[in-house]
Amino acid sequence: MRLLSLASPLALACLLFGACRTDSGAAPETGRELWQGAHSHVRQADTRLVRQPEEWLRLWNDIGREAPRPLGENEIAAALFLGERRTGGYAIEILGVDLDDGHRVVRYREKAPPPDAIATQLLTHPWAVIVLSRDGPPVIARQESRPAGSPRRPRH
């Protein structure tokens, strides 16, 4: 399990995502914290928005881990699950959180092992949880299908 704390979200977003502005001209929000892994108890592809403490605990129970900390009253979490994969090497890559058509959009994609990679031969269930501020527009998740490493299309 990896934990990523973002000390300066806007600066990190500019470095990681290559842009500091969205269509609306507002700076994109980045997650406060991100947890992810290859193994969970969630067998089907799913996205969940978690707002309440009891939902937070249920989420981590479904992942198969103890909650790393309580969910703050000013926070919301987006949980992403890829579903079952036949080998290791799969992961969820969070591409960013942007403003689009009145929503905060958590953009992500599935990372697969390269075709010539030697991968662990066991079933995996990749997941990611990102914590955002509760303040702001509604949150949705959007899976992008562009291949890993391809440039992002400019927005007009």
N, C-alpha and C. Protein backbone atom coordinates (compact mmCIF):
# COMPACT_ATOMS: atom_id res chain seq x y z
N MET A 1 0.86 -1.18 0.00
CA MET A 1 0.00 0.00 0.00
C MET A 1 0.90 1.23 0.00
N ARG A 2 0.56 2.21 -0.85
CA ARG A 2 1.33 3.44 -0.91
C ARG A 2 0.49 4.58 -0.40
N LEU A 3 1.14 5.50 0.31
CA LEU A 3 0.47 6.71 0.78
C LEU A 3 1.22 7.89 0.22
N LEU A 4 0.50 8.81 -0.41
CA LEU A 4 1.11 9.98 -0.99
C LEU A 4 0.46 11.19 -0.35
N SER A 5 1.21 11.92 0.46
CA SER A 5 0.71 13.16 1.05
C SER A 5 1.17 14.31 0.18
N LEU A 6 0.28 15.21 -0.14
CA LEU A 6 0.60 16.31 -1.02
C LEU A 6 0.75 17.58 -0.20
N ALA A 7 1.99 18.04 -0.05
CA ALA A 7 2.25 19.23 0.74
C ALA A 7 1.82 20.48 0.00
N SER A 8 2.10 20.55 -1.27
CA SER A 8 1.71 21.69 -2.07
C SER A 8 0.95 21.18 -3.29
N PRO A 9 -0.37 20.97 -3.15
CA PRO A 9 -1.14 20.33 -4.22
C PRO A 9 -1.02 21.01 -5.57
N LEU A 10 -1.11 22.33 -5.62
CA LEU A 10 -1.07 23.00 -6.91
C LEU A 10 0.29 22.86 -7.56
N ALA A 11 1.36 23.02 -6.81
CA ALA A 11 2.71 22.87 -7.36
C ALA A 11 2.92 21.46 -7.87
N LEU A 12 2.49 20.48 -7.12
CA LEU A 12 2.65 19.09 -7.53
C LEU A 12 1.81 18.80 -8.77
N ALA A 13 0.61 19.35 -8.83
CA ALA A 13 -0.25 19.14 -10.00
C ALA A 13 0.42 19.71 -11.25
N CYS A 14 1.03 20.86 -11.12
CA CYS A 14 1.71 21.47 -12.27
C CYS A 14 2.86 20.60 -12.75
N LEU A 15 3.59 20.03 -11.82
CA LEU A 15 4.71 19.17 -12.18
C LEU A 15 4.25 17.85 -12.77
N LEU A 16 3.28 17.20 -12.12
CA LEU A 16 2.86 15.87 -12.54
C LEU A 16 1.98 15.88 -13.77
N PHE A 17 1.08 16.81 -13.86
CA PHE A 17 0.08 16.76 -14.92
C PHE A 17 0.38 17.71 -16.06
N GLY A 18 1.44 18.51 -15.94
CA GLY A 18 1.88 19.33 -17.05
C GLY A 18 1.02 20.53 -17.36
N ALA A 19 0.05 20.82 -16.55
CA ALA A 19 -0.81 21.99 -16.80
C ALA A 19 -1.37 22.48 -15.49
N CYS A 20 -1.53 23.79 -15.40
CA CYS A 20 -2.04 24.37 -14.16
C CYS A 20 -3.41 24.99 -14.35
N ARG A 21 -4.01 24.82 -15.51
CA ARG A 21 -5.31 25.43 -15.75
C ARG A 21 -6.23 24.42 -16.42
N THR A 22 -7.53 24.62 -16.22
CA THR A 22 -8.53 23.77 -16.87
C THR A 22 -9.36 24.64 -17.79
N ASP A 23 -10.36 24.04 -18.43
CA ASP A 23 -11.22 24.79 -19.35
C ASP A 23 -11.83 26.02 -18.69
N SER A 24 -12.19 25.90 -17.43
CA SER A 24 -12.86 27.00 -16.76
C SER A 24 -11.90 28.09 -16.34
N GLY A 25 -10.59 27.85 -16.48
CA GLY A 25 -9.60 28.83 -16.06
C GLY A 25 -9.21 28.68 -14.60
N ALA A 26 -9.87 27.79 -13.86
CA ALA A 26 -9.55 27.59 -12.46
C ALA A 26 -8.46 26.53 -12.34
N ALA A 27 -7.66 26.64 -11.31
CA ALA A 27 -6.62 25.63 -11.07
C ALA A 27 -7.28 24.31 -10.70
N PRO A 28 -6.77 23.18 -11.21
CA PRO A 28 -7.36 21.89 -10.86
C PRO A 28 -7.08 21.54 -9.41
N GLU A 29 -7.98 20.81 -8.80
CA GLU A 29 -7.78 20.32 -7.44
C GLU A 29 -7.04 19.00 -7.54
N THR A 30 -6.13 18.78 -6.61
CA THR A 30 -5.49 17.48 -6.54
C THR A 30 -5.90 16.83 -5.24
N GLY A 31 -5.76 15.54 -5.18
CA GLY A 31 -6.12 14.83 -3.97
C GLY A 31 -5.19 15.16 -2.84
N ARG A 32 -5.73 15.13 -1.64
CA ARG A 32 -4.91 15.36 -0.46
C ARG A 32 -4.06 14.15 -0.16
N GLU A 33 -4.65 12.97 -0.36
CA GLU A 33 -3.95 11.72 -0.11
C GLU A 33 -4.43 10.67 -1.09
N LEU A 34 -3.56 9.73 -1.38
CA LEU A 34 -3.89 8.66 -2.32
C LEU A 34 -3.36 7.34 -1.77
N TRP A 35 -4.22 6.34 -1.75
CA TRP A 35 -3.83 4.98 -1.39
C TRP A 35 -4.19 4.10 -2.57
N GLN A 36 -3.36 3.09 -2.84
CA GLN A 36 -3.70 2.17 -3.91
C GLN A 36 -2.99 0.85 -3.71
N GLY A 37 -3.50 -0.16 -4.41
CA GLY A 37 -2.92 -1.48 -4.30
C GLY A 37 -3.46 -2.41 -5.37
N ALA A 38 -2.95 -3.65 -5.36
CA ALA A 38 -3.33 -4.64 -6.37
C ALA A 38 -4.35 -5.64 -5.85
N HIS A 39 -4.56 -5.68 -4.55
CA HIS A 39 -5.43 -6.71 -3.99
C HIS A 39 -6.52 -6.08 -3.11
N SER A 40 -7.76 -6.38 -3.44
CA SER A 40 -8.89 -5.97 -2.61
C SER A 40 -9.91 -7.10 -2.64
N HIS A 41 -10.96 -6.96 -1.84
CA HIS A 41 -12.05 -7.95 -1.86
C HIS A 41 -13.12 -7.59 -2.88
N VAL A 42 -12.97 -6.46 -3.57
CA VAL A 42 -13.95 -6.01 -4.56
C VAL A 42 -13.61 -6.69 -5.89
N ARG A 43 -14.49 -7.55 -6.34
CA ARG A 43 -14.22 -8.38 -7.52
C ARG A 43 -14.71 -7.77 -8.83
N GLN A 44 -15.61 -6.80 -8.79
CA GLN A 44 -16.17 -6.18 -9.98
C GLN A 44 -15.68 -4.74 -10.10
N ALA A 45 -15.59 -4.25 -11.34
CA ALA A 45 -15.24 -2.84 -11.55
C ALA A 45 -16.30 -1.98 -10.88
N ASP A 46 -15.86 -0.92 -10.21
CA ASP A 46 -16.79 -0.09 -9.45
C ASP A 46 -16.13 1.26 -9.16
N THR A 47 -16.95 2.28 -8.96
CA THR A 47 -16.50 3.56 -8.42
C THR A 47 -17.45 3.92 -7.28
N ARG A 48 -16.89 4.49 -6.24
CA ARG A 48 -17.71 4.88 -5.08
C ARG A 48 -17.27 6.26 -4.59
N LEU A 49 -18.25 7.03 -4.16
CA LEU A 49 -17.97 8.29 -3.47
C LEU A 49 -18.35 8.08 -2.02
N VAL A 50 -17.44 8.40 -1.13
CA VAL A 50 -17.62 8.16 0.29
C VAL A 50 -17.65 9.50 1.00
N ARG A 51 -18.73 9.73 1.75
CA ARG A 51 -18.91 11.01 2.45
C ARG A 51 -19.02 10.87 3.96
N GLN A 52 -19.45 9.71 4.43
CA GLN A 52 -19.75 9.51 5.85
C GLN A 52 -18.73 8.57 6.50
N PRO A 53 -18.48 8.74 7.79
CA PRO A 53 -17.52 7.88 8.50
C PRO A 53 -17.85 6.39 8.39
N GLU A 54 -19.13 6.01 8.47
CA GLU A 54 -19.47 4.59 8.38
C GLU A 54 -19.23 4.04 6.97
N GLU A 55 -19.44 4.88 5.94
CA GLU A 55 -19.13 4.47 4.56
C GLU A 55 -17.63 4.27 4.39
N TRP A 56 -16.85 5.14 5.03
CA TRP A 56 -15.38 5.08 4.98
C TRP A 56 -14.89 3.75 5.57
N LEU A 57 -15.43 3.38 6.71
CA LEU A 57 -15.03 2.12 7.35
C LEU A 57 -15.46 0.92 6.50
N ARG A 58 -16.66 0.98 5.94
CA ARG A 58 -17.15 -0.10 5.08
C ARG A 58 -16.27 -0.23 3.83
N LEU A 59 -15.86 0.90 3.26
CA LEU A 59 -14.98 0.89 2.09
C LEU A 59 -13.69 0.14 2.39
N TRP A 60 -13.05 0.48 3.50
CA TRP A 60 -11.77 -0.16 3.83
C TRP A 60 -11.96 -1.63 4.19
N ASN A 61 -13.10 -1.97 4.75
CA ASN A 61 -13.40 -3.37 5.00
C ASN A 61 -13.52 -4.12 3.66
N ASP A 62 -14.17 -3.50 2.67
CA ASP A 62 -14.30 -4.11 1.35
C ASP A 62 -12.95 -4.23 0.65
N ILE A 63 -12.05 -3.30 0.91
CA ILE A 63 -10.71 -3.40 0.34
C ILE A 63 -9.93 -4.52 1.03
N GLY A 64 -10.21 -4.73 2.32
CA GLY A 64 -9.52 -5.78 3.06
C GLY A 64 -8.41 -5.23 3.93
N ARG A 65 -8.52 -3.97 4.29
CA ARG A 65 -7.52 -3.31 5.14
C ARG A 65 -8.23 -2.46 6.19
N GLU A 66 -7.48 -2.12 7.22
CA GLU A 66 -8.00 -1.17 8.20
C GLU A 66 -7.93 0.23 7.60
N ALA A 67 -8.89 1.06 7.94
CA ALA A 67 -8.87 2.45 7.48
C ALA A 67 -7.58 3.10 7.97
N PRO A 68 -6.86 3.79 7.09
CA PRO A 68 -5.58 4.40 7.49
C PRO A 68 -5.75 5.55 8.47
N ARG A 69 -6.93 6.16 8.45
CA ARG A 69 -7.25 7.27 9.35
C ARG A 69 -8.73 7.56 9.20
N PRO A 70 -9.30 8.35 10.09
CA PRO A 70 -10.72 8.73 9.90
C PRO A 70 -10.87 9.68 8.71
N LEU A 71 -12.03 9.64 8.09
CA LEU A 71 -12.35 10.59 7.03
C LEU A 71 -12.79 11.89 7.70
N GLY A 72 -12.16 12.99 7.35
CA GLY A 72 -12.49 14.28 7.95
C GLY A 72 -13.86 14.77 7.54
N GLU A 73 -14.46 15.61 8.36
CA GLU A 73 -15.81 16.11 8.06
C GLU A 73 -15.82 17.02 6.84
N ASN A 74 -14.67 17.55 6.44
CA ASN A 74 -14.58 18.40 5.25
C ASN A 74 -13.97 17.66 4.06
N GLU A 75 -14.06 16.32 4.08
CA GLU A 75 -13.45 15.52 3.03
C GLU A 75 -14.46 14.57 2.38
N ILE A 76 -14.14 14.20 1.15
CA ILE A 76 -14.88 13.19 0.42
C ILE A 76 -13.83 12.29 -0.22
N ALA A 77 -14.14 11.02 -0.37
CA ALA A 77 -13.18 10.10 -0.98
C ALA A 77 -13.81 9.49 -2.23
N ALA A 78 -12.99 9.35 -3.26
CA ALA A 78 -13.39 8.63 -4.48
C ALA A 78 -12.61 7.33 -4.49
N ALA A 79 -13.33 6.22 -4.56
CA ALA A 79 -12.70 4.90 -4.60
C ALA A 79 -12.93 4.29 -5.98
N LEU A 80 -11.87 3.77 -6.56
CA LEU A 80 -11.91 3.21 -7.90
C LEU A 80 -11.45 1.76 -7.84
N PHE A 81 -12.18 0.88 -8.50
CA PHE A 81 -11.86 -0.54 -8.53
C PHE A 81 -11.88 -1.01 -9.97
N LEU A 82 -10.82 -1.70 -10.43
CA LEU A 82 -10.77 -2.20 -11.80
C LEU A 82 -11.50 -3.52 -11.98
N GLY A 83 -11.73 -4.24 -10.90
CA GLY A 83 -12.29 -5.58 -11.03
C GLY A 83 -11.15 -6.59 -11.15
N GLU A 84 -11.52 -7.82 -11.41
CA GLU A 84 -10.55 -8.90 -11.42
C GLU A 84 -9.67 -8.87 -12.67
N ARG A 85 -8.36 -9.07 -12.45
CA ARG A 85 -7.39 -9.21 -13.53
C ARG A 85 -6.68 -10.55 -13.33
N ARG A 86 -6.29 -11.19 -14.44
CA ARG A 86 -5.74 -12.54 -14.38
C ARG A 86 -4.29 -12.63 -13.92
N THR A 87 -3.57 -11.50 -13.93
CA THR A 87 -2.16 -11.51 -13.52
C THR A 87 -1.85 -10.27 -12.71
N GLY A 88 -0.65 -10.22 -12.17
CA GLY A 88 -0.14 -9.02 -11.52
C GLY A 88 0.24 -7.99 -12.57
N GLY A 89 0.68 -6.85 -12.14
CA GLY A 89 1.15 -5.81 -13.04
C GLY A 89 0.11 -4.78 -13.43
N TYR A 90 -1.13 -4.96 -13.00
CA TYR A 90 -2.19 -3.99 -13.29
C TYR A 90 -2.28 -2.98 -12.14
N ALA A 91 -2.65 -1.75 -12.49
CA ALA A 91 -2.78 -0.70 -11.48
C ALA A 91 -3.71 0.38 -12.00
N ILE A 92 -4.13 1.24 -11.11
CA ILE A 92 -4.91 2.43 -11.46
C ILE A 92 -3.96 3.61 -11.38
N GLU A 93 -3.92 4.40 -12.44
CA GLU A 93 -3.12 5.61 -12.46
C GLU A 93 -4.07 6.80 -12.42
N ILE A 94 -3.96 7.60 -11.36
CA ILE A 94 -4.76 8.82 -11.25
C ILE A 94 -4.07 9.88 -12.10
N LEU A 95 -4.78 10.39 -13.10
CA LEU A 95 -4.20 11.37 -14.02
C LEU A 95 -4.39 12.80 -13.55
N GLY A 96 -5.40 13.04 -12.73
CA GLY A 96 -5.64 14.38 -12.22
C GLY A 96 -7.09 14.57 -11.82
N VAL A 97 -7.34 15.73 -11.25
CA VAL A 97 -8.70 16.12 -10.88
C VAL A 97 -8.92 17.48 -11.53
N ASP A 98 -9.87 17.52 -12.46
CA ASP A 98 -10.13 18.73 -13.23
C ASP A 98 -11.56 19.20 -13.05
N LEU A 99 -11.79 20.45 -13.38
CA LEU A 99 -13.16 20.97 -13.43
C LEU A 99 -13.65 20.82 -14.86
N ASP A 100 -14.85 20.23 -15.02
CA ASP A 100 -15.40 20.00 -16.34
C ASP A 100 -16.92 19.99 -16.24
N ASP A 101 -17.55 20.91 -16.93
CA ASP A 101 -19.01 20.97 -17.01
C ASP A 101 -19.67 20.95 -15.63
N GLY A 102 -19.13 21.74 -14.70
CA GLY A 102 -19.73 21.86 -13.38
C GLY A 102 -19.43 20.72 -12.42
N HIS A 103 -18.47 19.85 -12.76
CA HIS A 103 -18.09 18.74 -11.90
C HIS A 103 -16.58 18.73 -11.68
N ARG A 104 -16.18 18.17 -10.56
CA ARG A 104 -14.77 17.82 -10.37
C ARG A 104 -14.63 16.40 -10.90
N VAL A 105 -13.78 16.21 -11.85
CA VAL A 105 -13.63 14.92 -12.51
C VAL A 105 -12.29 14.30 -12.10
N VAL A 106 -12.38 13.14 -11.44
CA VAL A 106 -11.17 12.37 -11.13
C VAL A 106 -10.89 11.55 -12.38
N ARG A 107 -9.82 11.91 -13.09
CA ARG A 107 -9.46 11.20 -14.31
C ARG A 107 -8.46 10.11 -13.96
N TYR A 108 -8.70 8.91 -14.50
CA TYR A 108 -7.80 7.80 -14.23
C TYR A 108 -7.74 6.87 -15.43
N ARG A 109 -6.74 6.01 -15.42
CA ARG A 109 -6.67 4.99 -16.45
C ARG A 109 -6.09 3.71 -15.85
N GLU A 110 -6.37 2.64 -16.54
CA GLU A 110 -5.83 1.35 -16.15
C GLU A 110 -4.43 1.21 -16.74
N LYS A 111 -3.49 0.82 -15.92
CA LYS A 111 -2.15 0.49 -16.40
C LYS A 111 -2.05 -1.02 -16.43
N ALA A 112 -1.63 -1.54 -17.56
CA ALA A 112 -1.47 -2.98 -17.74
C ALA A 112 0.01 -3.30 -17.89
N PRO A 113 0.39 -4.51 -17.57
CA PRO A 113 1.79 -4.87 -17.78
C PRO A 113 2.10 -4.90 -19.28
N PRO A 114 3.32 -4.57 -19.66
CA PRO A 114 3.68 -4.65 -21.08
C PRO A 114 3.50 -6.08 -21.60
N PRO A 115 3.23 -6.24 -22.88
CA PRO A 115 2.99 -7.58 -23.43
C PRO A 115 4.14 -8.56 -23.19
N ASP A 116 5.37 -8.07 -23.13
CA ASP A 116 6.52 -8.94 -22.95
C ASP A 116 6.96 -9.05 -21.47
N ALA A 117 6.17 -8.49 -20.57
CA ALA A 117 6.53 -8.52 -19.15
C ALA A 117 6.29 -9.89 -18.54
N ILE A 118 7.11 -10.21 -17.56
CA ILE A 118 6.88 -11.41 -16.77
C ILE A 118 6.03 -10.95 -15.58
N ALA A 119 4.79 -11.43 -15.54
CA ALA A 119 3.86 -10.99 -14.49
C ALA A 119 3.53 -12.15 -13.56
N THR A 120 3.24 -11.79 -12.32
CA THR A 120 2.81 -12.77 -11.34
C THR A 120 1.54 -13.45 -11.83
N GLN A 121 1.48 -14.76 -11.73
CA GLN A 121 0.32 -15.50 -12.22
C GLN A 121 -0.66 -15.74 -11.08
N LEU A 122 -1.34 -14.68 -10.68
CA LEU A 122 -2.38 -14.78 -9.69
C LEU A 122 -3.41 -13.69 -9.94
N LEU A 123 -4.63 -13.95 -9.50
CA LEU A 123 -5.69 -12.98 -9.69
C LEU A 123 -5.43 -11.75 -8.83
N THR A 124 -5.63 -10.57 -9.42
CA THR A 124 -5.49 -9.32 -8.68
C THR A 124 -6.77 -8.51 -8.85
N HIS A 125 -6.95 -7.55 -7.97
CA HIS A 125 -8.14 -6.69 -7.97
C HIS A 125 -7.68 -5.26 -7.65
N PRO A 126 -7.10 -4.56 -8.64
CA PRO A 126 -6.51 -3.23 -8.39
C PRO A 126 -7.54 -2.21 -7.91
N TRP A 127 -7.07 -1.32 -7.03
CA TRP A 127 -7.93 -0.30 -6.43
C TRP A 127 -7.13 0.95 -6.15
N ALA A 128 -7.83 2.07 -5.99
CA ALA A 128 -7.23 3.34 -5.57
C ALA A 128 -8.29 4.14 -4.82
N VAL A 129 -7.85 4.87 -3.82
CA VAL A 129 -8.72 5.76 -3.05
C VAL A 129 -8.03 7.11 -2.98
N ILE A 130 -8.73 8.15 -3.41
CA ILE A 130 -8.20 9.51 -3.35
C ILE A 130 -9.14 10.37 -2.50
N VAL A 131 -8.56 11.17 -1.62
CA VAL A 131 -9.34 12.03 -0.74
C VAL A 131 -9.31 13.45 -1.28
N LEU A 132 -10.48 14.07 -1.35
CA LEU A 132 -10.65 15.43 -1.86
C LEU A 132 -11.37 16.28 -0.83
N SER A 133 -11.38 17.57 -1.06
CA SER A 133 -12.15 18.48 -0.22
C SER A 133 -13.64 18.27 -0.49
N ARG A 134 -14.43 18.32 0.54
CA ARG A 134 -15.89 18.20 0.38
C ARG A 134 -16.46 19.45 -0.29
N ASP A 135 -15.80 20.59 -0.09
CA ASP A 135 -16.25 21.84 -0.70
C ASP A 135 -16.03 21.81 -2.20
N GLY A 136 -16.94 22.36 -2.93
CA GLY A 136 -16.78 22.46 -4.37
C GLY A 136 -17.85 21.70 -5.12
N PRO A 137 -17.70 21.67 -6.44
CA PRO A 137 -18.70 20.98 -7.28
C PRO A 137 -18.74 19.48 -6.99
N PRO A 138 -19.80 18.81 -7.47
CA PRO A 138 -19.90 17.36 -7.30
C PRO A 138 -18.70 16.65 -7.94
N VAL A 139 -18.38 15.47 -7.41
CA VAL A 139 -17.24 14.69 -7.89
C VAL A 139 -17.74 13.52 -8.72
N ILE A 140 -17.11 13.30 -9.87
CA ILE A 140 -17.36 12.12 -10.68
C ILE A 140 -16.01 11.53 -11.08
N ALA A 141 -16.01 10.27 -11.45
CA ALA A 141 -14.78 9.61 -11.92
C ALA A 141 -14.94 9.31 -13.40
N ARG A 142 -13.85 9.46 -14.14
CA ARG A 142 -13.88 9.20 -15.58
C ARG A 142 -12.63 8.42 -15.96
N GLN A 143 -12.87 7.23 -16.51
CA GLN A 143 -11.75 6.42 -16.96
C GLN A 143 -11.37 6.85 -18.37
N GLU A 144 -10.09 7.10 -18.57
CA GLU A 144 -9.59 7.46 -19.89
C GLU A 144 -8.94 6.23 -20.50
N SER A 145 -9.12 6.08 -21.79
CA SER A 145 -8.65 4.86 -22.43
C SER A 145 -7.37 5.04 -23.23
N ARG A 146 -6.82 6.24 -23.22
CA ARG A 146 -5.61 6.43 -24.01
C ARG A 146 -4.48 5.59 -23.42
N PRO A 147 -3.61 5.09 -24.26
CA PRO A 147 -2.52 4.23 -23.78
C PRO A 147 -1.56 5.00 -22.87
N ALA A 148 -0.99 4.29 -21.92
CA ALA A 148 0.01 4.89 -21.04
C ALA A 148 1.13 5.46 -21.88
N GLY A 149 1.55 6.68 -21.54
CA GLY A 149 2.65 7.32 -22.24
C GLY A 149 2.25 8.19 -23.41
N SER A 150 0.98 8.12 -23.85
CA SER A 150 0.57 8.98 -24.96
C SER A 150 0.24 10.36 -24.43
N PRO A 151 0.51 11.40 -25.20
CA PRO A 151 0.27 12.77 -24.71
C PRO A 151 -1.21 13.06 -24.56
N ARG A 152 -1.52 13.92 -23.62
CA ARG A 152 -2.90 14.34 -23.38
C ARG A 152 -3.31 15.33 -24.45
N ARG A 153 -4.53 15.16 -24.96
CA ARG A 153 -5.03 16.10 -25.97
C ARG A 153 -5.23 17.47 -25.35
N PRO A 154 -4.81 18.52 -26.05
CA PRO A 154 -5.08 19.87 -25.53
C PRO A 154 -6.57 20.17 -25.58
N ARG A 155 -7.05 20.90 -24.62
CA ARG A 155 -8.47 21.30 -24.58
C ARG A 155 -8.63 22.64 -25.23
N HIS A 156 -9.72 22.83 -25.95
CA HIS A 156 -10.00 24.12 -26.60
C HIS A 156 -11.26 24.70 -26.07
